[in-house]
Amino acid sequence: STPIYDQGKLSGAAVVFKDISERKRNEEALQAAHLELARMKERLEEENAYLQEEFSEQHNFKDIIG
């Protein structure tokens, strides 16, 4: 706040407020997107491990048959 003086005497104050609702919504949306990306990354890593195991098993099968 900023004091307002009238003839040297304090007569009031000026206060400025800023609405940060949109900023908070954006922060929450960004946080949700980050969480979703983390979940997707985890799922991709699981799928990659599964596919590598499947490929490895198929490759070994070919070596056994000749």
PDB file of N, CA and C in Angstrom:
ATOM      1  N   SER A   1       0.838  -1.185   0.000  1.00  0.00           N
ATOM      2  CA  SER A   1       0.000   0.000   0.000  1.00  0.00           C
ATOM      3  C   SER A   1       0.879   1.244   0.000  1.00  0.00           C
ATOM      4  N   THR A   2       0.289   2.305  -0.481  1.00  0.00           N
ATOM      5  CA  THR A   2       0.991   3.579  -0.552  1.00  0.00           C
ATOM      6  C   THR A   2       0.202   4.609   0.242  1.00  0.00           C
ATOM      7  N   PRO A   3       0.848   5.266   1.202  1.00  0.00           N
ATOM      8  CA  PRO A   3       0.124   6.266   1.989  1.00  0.00           C
ATOM      9  C   PRO A   3      -0.220   7.497   1.147  1.00  0.00           C
ATOM     10  N   ILE A   4      -1.365   8.090   1.450  1.00  0.00           N
ATOM     11  CA  ILE A   4      -1.796   9.322   0.786  1.00  0.00           C
ATOM     12  C   ILE A   4      -1.852  10.412   1.856  1.00  0.00           C
ATOM     13  N   TYR A   5      -1.144  11.500   1.577  1.00  0.00           N
ATOM     14  CA  TYR A   5      -1.084  12.609   2.527  1.00  0.00           C
ATOM     15  C   TYR A   5      -1.847  13.805   1.979  1.00  0.00           C
ATOM     16  N   ASP A   6      -2.484  14.524   2.879  1.00  0.00           N
ATOM     17  CA  ASP A   6      -3.169  15.773   2.542  1.00  0.00           C
ATOM     18  C   ASP A   6      -2.652  16.829   3.499  1.00  0.00           C
ATOM     19  N   GLN A   7      -1.910  17.771   2.955  1.00  0.00           N
ATOM     20  CA  GLN A   7      -1.292  18.846   3.726  1.00  0.00           C
ATOM     21  C   GLN A   7      -0.432  18.284   4.860  1.00  0.00           C
ATOM     22  N   GLY A   8       0.343  17.242   4.511  1.00  0.00           N
ATOM     23  CA  GLY A   8       1.275  16.666   5.471  1.00  0.00           C
ATOM     24  C   GLY A   8       0.660  15.656   6.421  1.00  0.00           C
ATOM     25  N   LYS A   9      -0.660  15.503   6.385  1.00  0.00           N
ATOM     26  CA  LYS A   9      -1.315  14.542   7.277  1.00  0.00           C
ATOM     27  C   LYS A   9      -1.767  13.325   6.472  1.00  0.00           C
ATOM     28  N   LEU A  10      -1.612  12.170   7.082  1.00  0.00           N
ATOM     29  CA  LEU A  10      -2.046  10.934   6.446  1.00  0.00           C
ATOM     30  C   LEU A  10      -3.557  10.950   6.307  1.00  0.00           C
ATOM     31  N   SER A  11      -4.025  10.825   5.074  1.00  0.00           N
ATOM     32  CA  SER A  11      -5.476  10.873   4.856  1.00  0.00           C
ATOM     33  C   SER A  11      -6.016   9.570   4.254  1.00  0.00           C
ATOM     34  N   GLY A  12      -5.142   8.656   3.903  1.00  0.00           N
ATOM     35  CA  GLY A  12      -5.609   7.398   3.325  1.00  0.00           C
ATOM     36  C   GLY A  12      -4.450   6.584   2.783  1.00  0.00           C
ATOM     37  N   ALA A  13      -4.823   5.571   2.059  1.00  0.00           N
ATOM     38  CA  ALA A  13      -3.810   4.704   1.456  1.00  0.00           C
ATOM     39  C   ALA A  13      -4.358   4.159   0.144  1.00  0.00           C
ATOM     40  N   ALA A  14      -3.451   3.954  -0.774  1.00  0.00           N
ATOM     41  CA  ALA A  14      -3.818   3.346  -2.053  1.00  0.00           C
ATOM     42  C   ALA A  14      -3.290   1.912  -2.050  1.00  0.00           C
ATOM     43  N   VAL A  15      -4.171   0.982  -2.380  1.00  0.00           N
ATOM     44  CA  VAL A  15      -3.809  -0.434  -2.384  1.00  0.00           C
ATOM     45  C   VAL A  15      -4.139  -1.010  -3.759  1.00  0.00           C
ATOM     46  N   VAL A  16      -3.236  -1.821  -4.272  1.00  0.00           N
ATOM     47  CA  VAL A  16      -3.439  -2.443  -5.578  1.00  0.00           C
ATOM     48  C   VAL A  16      -3.460  -3.962  -5.387  1.00  0.00           C
ATOM     49  N   PHE A  17      -4.479  -4.593  -5.947  1.00  0.00           N
ATOM     50  CA  PHE A  17      -4.586  -6.047  -5.921  1.00  0.00           C
ATOM     51  C   PHE A  17      -4.508  -6.559  -7.351  1.00  0.00           C
ATOM     52  N   LYS A  18      -3.943  -7.719  -7.497  1.00  0.00           N
ATOM     53  CA  LYS A  18      -3.842  -8.314  -8.822  1.00  0.00           C
ATOM     54  C   LYS A  18      -4.495  -9.695  -8.774  1.00  0.00           C
ATOM     55  N   ASP A  19      -5.408  -9.934  -9.697  1.00  0.00           N
ATOM     56  CA  ASP A  19      -6.081 -11.230  -9.784  1.00  0.00           C
ATOM     57  C   ASP A  19      -5.129 -12.233 -10.434  1.00  0.00           C
ATOM     58  N   ILE A  20      -4.758 -13.257  -9.672  1.00  0.00           N
ATOM     59  CA  ILE A  20      -3.836 -14.269 -10.198  1.00  0.00           C
ATOM     60  C   ILE A  20      -4.560 -15.594 -10.467  1.00  0.00           C
ATOM     61  N   SER A  21      -5.871 -15.545 -10.592  1.00  0.00           N
ATOM     62  CA  SER A  21      -6.666 -16.760 -10.819  1.00  0.00           C
ATOM     63  C   SER A  21      -6.215 -17.500 -12.075  1.00  0.00           C
ATOM     64  N   GLU A  22      -6.051 -16.767 -13.167  1.00  0.00           N
ATOM     65  CA  GLU A  22      -5.643 -17.399 -14.423  1.00  0.00           C
ATOM     66  C   GLU A  22      -4.253 -18.009 -14.293  1.00  0.00           C
ATOM     67  N   ARG A  23      -3.367 -17.309 -13.624  1.00  0.00           N
ATOM     68  CA  ARG A  23      -2.012 -17.818 -13.418  1.00  0.00           C
ATOM     69  C   ARG A  23      -2.046 -19.123 -12.620  1.00  0.00           C
ATOM     70  N   LYS A  24      -2.862 -19.165 -11.569  1.00  0.00           N
ATOM     71  CA  LYS A  24      -2.980 -20.373 -10.754  1.00  0.00           C
ATOM     72  C   LYS A  24      -3.559 -21.524 -11.574  1.00  0.00           C
ATOM     73  N   ARG A  25      -4.562 -21.238 -12.396  1.00  0.00           N
ATOM     74  CA  ARG A  25      -5.141 -22.281 -13.258  1.00  0.00           C
ATOM     75  C   ARG A  25      -4.084 -22.818 -14.220  1.00  0.00           C
ATOM     76  N   ASN A  26      -3.295 -21.924 -14.784  1.00  0.00           N
ATOM     77  CA  ASN A  26      -2.232 -22.339 -15.700  1.00  0.00           C
ATOM     78  C   ASN A  26      -1.184 -23.192 -14.989  1.00  0.00           C
ATOM     79  N   GLU A  27      -0.829 -22.804 -13.767  1.00  0.00           N
ATOM     80  CA  GLU A  27       0.136 -23.583 -12.992  1.00  0.00           C
ATOM     81  C   GLU A  27      -0.407 -24.981 -12.710  1.00  0.00           C
ATOM     82  N   GLU A  28      -1.693 -25.064 -12.348  1.00  0.00           N
ATOM     83  CA  GLU A  28      -2.313 -26.358 -12.070  1.00  0.00           C
ATOM     84  C   GLU A  28      -2.382 -27.217 -13.334  1.00  0.00           C
ATOM     85  N   ALA A  29      -2.701 -26.597 -14.462  1.00  0.00           N
ATOM     86  CA  ALA A  29      -2.754 -27.332 -15.730  1.00  0.00           C
ATOM     87  C   ALA A  29      -1.365 -27.843 -16.107  1.00  0.00           C
ATOM     88  N   LEU A  30      -0.359 -27.023 -15.895  1.00  0.00           N
ATOM     89  CA  LEU A  30       1.012 -27.429 -16.191  1.00  0.00           C
ATOM     90  C   LEU A  30       1.435 -28.587 -15.295  1.00  0.00           C
ATOM     91  N   GLN A  31       1.072 -28.506 -14.028  1.00  0.00           N
ATOM     92  CA  GLN A  31       1.397 -29.573 -13.088  1.00  0.00           C
ATOM     93  C   GLN A  31       0.696 -30.879 -13.494  1.00  0.00           C
ATOM     94  N   ALA A  32      -0.564 -30.795 -13.906  1.00  0.00           N
ATOM     95  CA  ALA A  32      -1.306 -31.982 -14.350  1.00  0.00           C
ATOM     96  C   ALA A  32      -0.674 -32.569 -15.608  1.00  0.00           C
ATOM     97  N   ALA A  33      -0.257 -31.718 -16.531  1.00  0.00           N
ATOM     98  CA  ALA A  33       0.386 -32.186 -17.762  1.00  0.00           C
ATOM     99  C   ALA A  33       1.711 -32.877 -17.444  1.00  0.00           C
ATOM    100  N   HIS A  34       2.452 -32.322 -16.502  1.00  0.00           N
ATOM    101  CA  HIS A  34       3.725 -32.920 -16.101  1.00  0.00           C
ATOM    102  C   HIS A  34       3.490 -34.310 -15.495  1.00  0.00           C
ATOM    103  N   LEU A  35       2.470 -34.429 -14.665  1.00  0.00           N
ATOM    104  CA  LEU A  35       2.138 -35.715 -14.059  1.00  0.00           C
ATOM    105  C   LEU A  35       1.740 -36.732 -15.127  1.00  0.00           C
ATOM    106  N   GLU A  36       0.946 -36.307 -16.090  1.00  0.00           N
ATOM    107  CA  GLU A  36       0.531 -37.195 -17.179  1.00  0.00           C
ATOM    108  C   GLU A  36       1.739 -37.641 -18.003  1.00  0.00           C
ATOM    109  N   LEU A  37       2.662 -36.728 -18.274  1.00  0.00           N
ATOM    110  CA  LEU A  37       3.879 -37.101 -19.007  1.00  0.00           C
ATOM    111  C   LEU A  37       4.710 -38.110 -18.225  1.00  0.00           C
ATOM    112  N   ALA A  38       4.787 -37.936 -16.920  1.00  0.00           N
ATOM    113  CA  ALA A  38       5.534 -38.883 -16.088  1.00  0.00           C
ATOM    114  C   ALA A  38       4.888 -40.265 -16.152  1.00  0.00           C
ATOM    115  N   ARG A  39       3.556 -40.312 -16.119  1.00  0.00           N
ATOM    116  CA  ARG A  39       2.849 -41.598 -16.231  1.00  0.00           C
ATOM    117  C   ARG A  39       3.099 -42.240 -17.595  1.00  0.00           C
ATOM    118  N   MET A  40       3.042 -41.430 -18.642  1.00  0.00           N
ATOM    119  CA  MET A  40       3.270 -41.952 -19.991  1.00  0.00           C
ATOM    120  C   MET A  40       4.698 -42.473 -20.140  1.00  0.00           C
ATOM    121  N   LYS A  41       5.655 -41.762 -19.562  1.00  0.00           N
ATOM    122  CA  LYS A  41       7.054 -42.188 -19.614  1.00  0.00           C
ATOM    123  C   LYS A  41       7.214 -43.533 -18.918  1.00  0.00           C
ATOM    124  N   GLU A  42       6.590 -43.670 -17.761  1.00  0.00           N
ATOM    125  CA  GLU A  42       6.675 -44.925 -17.021  1.00  0.00           C
ATOM    126  C   GLU A  42       6.066 -46.075 -17.838  1.00  0.00           C
ATOM    127  N   ARG A  43       4.926 -45.821 -18.445  1.00  0.00           N
ATOM    128  CA  ARG A  43       4.288 -46.865 -19.261  1.00  0.00           C
ATOM    129  C   ARG A  43       5.151 -47.223 -20.471  1.00  0.00           C
ATOM    130  N   LEU A  44       5.728 -46.216 -21.106  1.00  0.00           N
ATOM    131  CA  LEU A  44       6.615 -46.478 -22.247  1.00  0.00           C
ATOM    132  C   LEU A  44       7.812 -47.331 -21.840  1.00  0.00           C
ATOM    133  N   GLU A  45       8.376 -47.033 -20.680  1.00  0.00           N
ATOM    134  CA  GLU A  45       9.514 -47.814 -20.198  1.00  0.00           C
ATOM    135  C   GLU A  45       9.106 -49.260 -19.942  1.00  0.00           C
ATOM    136  N   GLU A  46       7.907 -49.461 -19.377  1.00  0.00           N
ATOM    137  CA  GLU A  46       7.411 -50.818 -19.144  1.00  0.00           C
ATOM    138  C   GLU A  46       7.195 -51.556 -20.466  1.00  0.00           C
ATOM    139  N   GLU A  47       6.575 -50.877 -21.421  1.00  0.00           N
ATOM    140  CA  GLU A  47       6.330 -51.489 -22.731  1.00  0.00           C
ATOM    141  C   GLU A  47       7.644 -51.805 -23.441  1.00  0.00           C
ATOM    142  N   ASN A  48       8.604 -50.919 -23.331  1.00  0.00           N
ATOM    143  CA  ASN A  48       9.908 -51.133 -23.955  1.00  0.00           C
ATOM    144  C   ASN A  48      10.590 -52.362 -23.360  1.00  0.00           C
ATOM    145  N   ALA A  49      10.538 -52.492 -22.037  1.00  0.00           N
ATOM    146  CA  ALA A  49      11.140 -53.657 -21.385  1.00  0.00           C
ATOM    147  C   ALA A  49      10.455 -54.941 -21.848  1.00  0.00           C
ATOM    148  N   TYR A  50       9.142 -54.904 -21.946  1.00  0.00           N
ATOM    149  CA  TYR A  50       8.390 -56.075 -22.413  1.00  0.00           C
ATOM    150  C   TYR A  50       8.781 -56.442 -23.844  1.00  0.00           C
ATOM    151  N   LEU A  51       8.825 -55.453 -24.714  1.00  0.00           N
ATOM    152  CA  LEU A  51       9.174 -55.717 -26.112  1.00  0.00           C
ATOM    153  C   LEU A  51      10.606 -56.223 -26.255  1.00  0.00           C
ATOM    154  N   GLN A  52      11.513 -55.682 -25.457  1.00  0.00           N
ATOM    155  CA  GLN A  52      12.897 -56.159 -25.512  1.00  0.00           C
ATOM    156  C   GLN A  52      12.976 -57.624 -25.081  1.00  0.00           C
ATOM    157  N   GLU A  53      12.196 -57.978 -24.062  1.00  0.00           N
ATOM    158  CA  GLU A  53      12.174 -59.366 -23.604  1.00  0.00           C
ATOM    159  C   GLU A  53      11.584 -60.276 -24.687  1.00  0.00           C
ATOM    160  N   GLU A  54      10.499 -59.840 -25.301  1.00  0.00           N
ATOM    161  CA  GLU A  54       9.882 -60.626 -26.377  1.00  0.00           C
ATOM    162  C   GLU A  54      10.856 -60.813 -27.541  1.00  0.00           C
ATOM    163  N   PHE A  55      11.513 -59.750 -27.925  1.00  0.00           N
ATOM    164  CA  PHE A  55      12.472 -59.828 -29.030  1.00  0.00           C
ATOM    165  C   PHE A  55      13.613 -60.767 -28.674  1.00  0.00           C
ATOM    166  N   SER A  56      14.092 -60.664 -27.448  1.00  0.00           N
ATOM    167  CA  SER A  56      15.192 -61.510 -26.999  1.00  0.00           C
ATOM    168  C   SER A  56      14.790 -62.981 -27.036  1.00  0.00           C
ATOM    169  N   GLU A  57      13.583 -63.289 -26.582  1.00  0.00           N
ATOM    170  CA  GLU A  57      13.099 -64.671 -26.604  1.00  0.00           C
ATOM    171  C   GLU A  57      12.972 -65.176 -28.037  1.00  0.00           C
ATOM    172  N   GLN A  58      12.455 -64.365 -28.939  1.00  0.00           N
ATOM    173  CA  GLN A  58      12.309 -64.774 -30.339  1.00  0.00           C
ATOM    174  C   GLN A  58      13.675 -64.980 -30.984  1.00  0.00           C
ATOM    175  N   HIS A  59      14.601 -64.103 -30.663  1.00  0.00           N
ATOM    176  CA  HIS A  59      15.950 -64.208 -31.227  1.00  0.00           C
ATOM    177  C   HIS A  59      16.618 -65.500 -30.754  1.00  0.00           C
ATOM    178  N   ASN A  60      16.495 -65.826 -29.495  1.00  0.00           N
ATOM    179  CA  ASN A  60      17.078 -67.058 -28.961  1.00  0.00           C
ATOM    180  C   ASN A  60      16.417 -68.281 -29.585  1.00  0.00           C
ATOM    181  N   PHE A  61      15.131 -68.205 -29.849  1.00  0.00           N
ATOM    182  CA  PHE A  61      14.415 -69.311 -30.474  1.00  0.00           C
ATOM    183  C   PHE A  61      14.986 -69.585 -31.862  1.00  0.00           C
ATOM    184  N   LYS A  62      15.275 -68.545 -32.610  1.00  0.00           N
ATOM    185  CA  LYS A  62      15.864 -68.715 -33.946  1.00  0.00           C
ATOM    186  C   LYS A  62      17.238 -69.374 -33.851  1.00  0.00           C
ATOM    187  N   ASP A  63      18.025 -69.013 -32.824  1.00  0.00           N
ATOM    188  CA  ASP A  63      19.353 -69.610 -32.656  1.00  0.00           C
ATOM    189  C   ASP A  63      19.250 -71.100 -32.346  1.00  0.00           C
ATOM    190  N   ILE A  64      18.237 -71.484 -31.590  1.00  0.00           N
ATOM    191  CA  ILE A  64      18.069 -72.889 -31.230  1.00  0.00           C
ATOM    192  C   ILE A  64      17.702 -73.718 -32.459  1.00  0.00           C
ATOM    193  N   ILE A  65      16.780 -73.206 -33.290  1.00  0.00           N
ATOM    194  CA  ILE A  65      16.328 -73.927 -34.481  1.00  0.00           C
ATOM    195  C   ILE A  65      17.431 -73.967 -35.539  1.00  0.00           C
ATOM    196  N   GLY A  66      18.144 -72.904 -35.656  1.00  0.00           N
ATOM    197  CA  GLY A  66      19.233 -72.856 -36.618  1.00  0.00           C
ATOM    198  C   GLY A  66      18.829 -72.084 -37.775  1.00  0.00           C
TER     199      GLY A  66
END
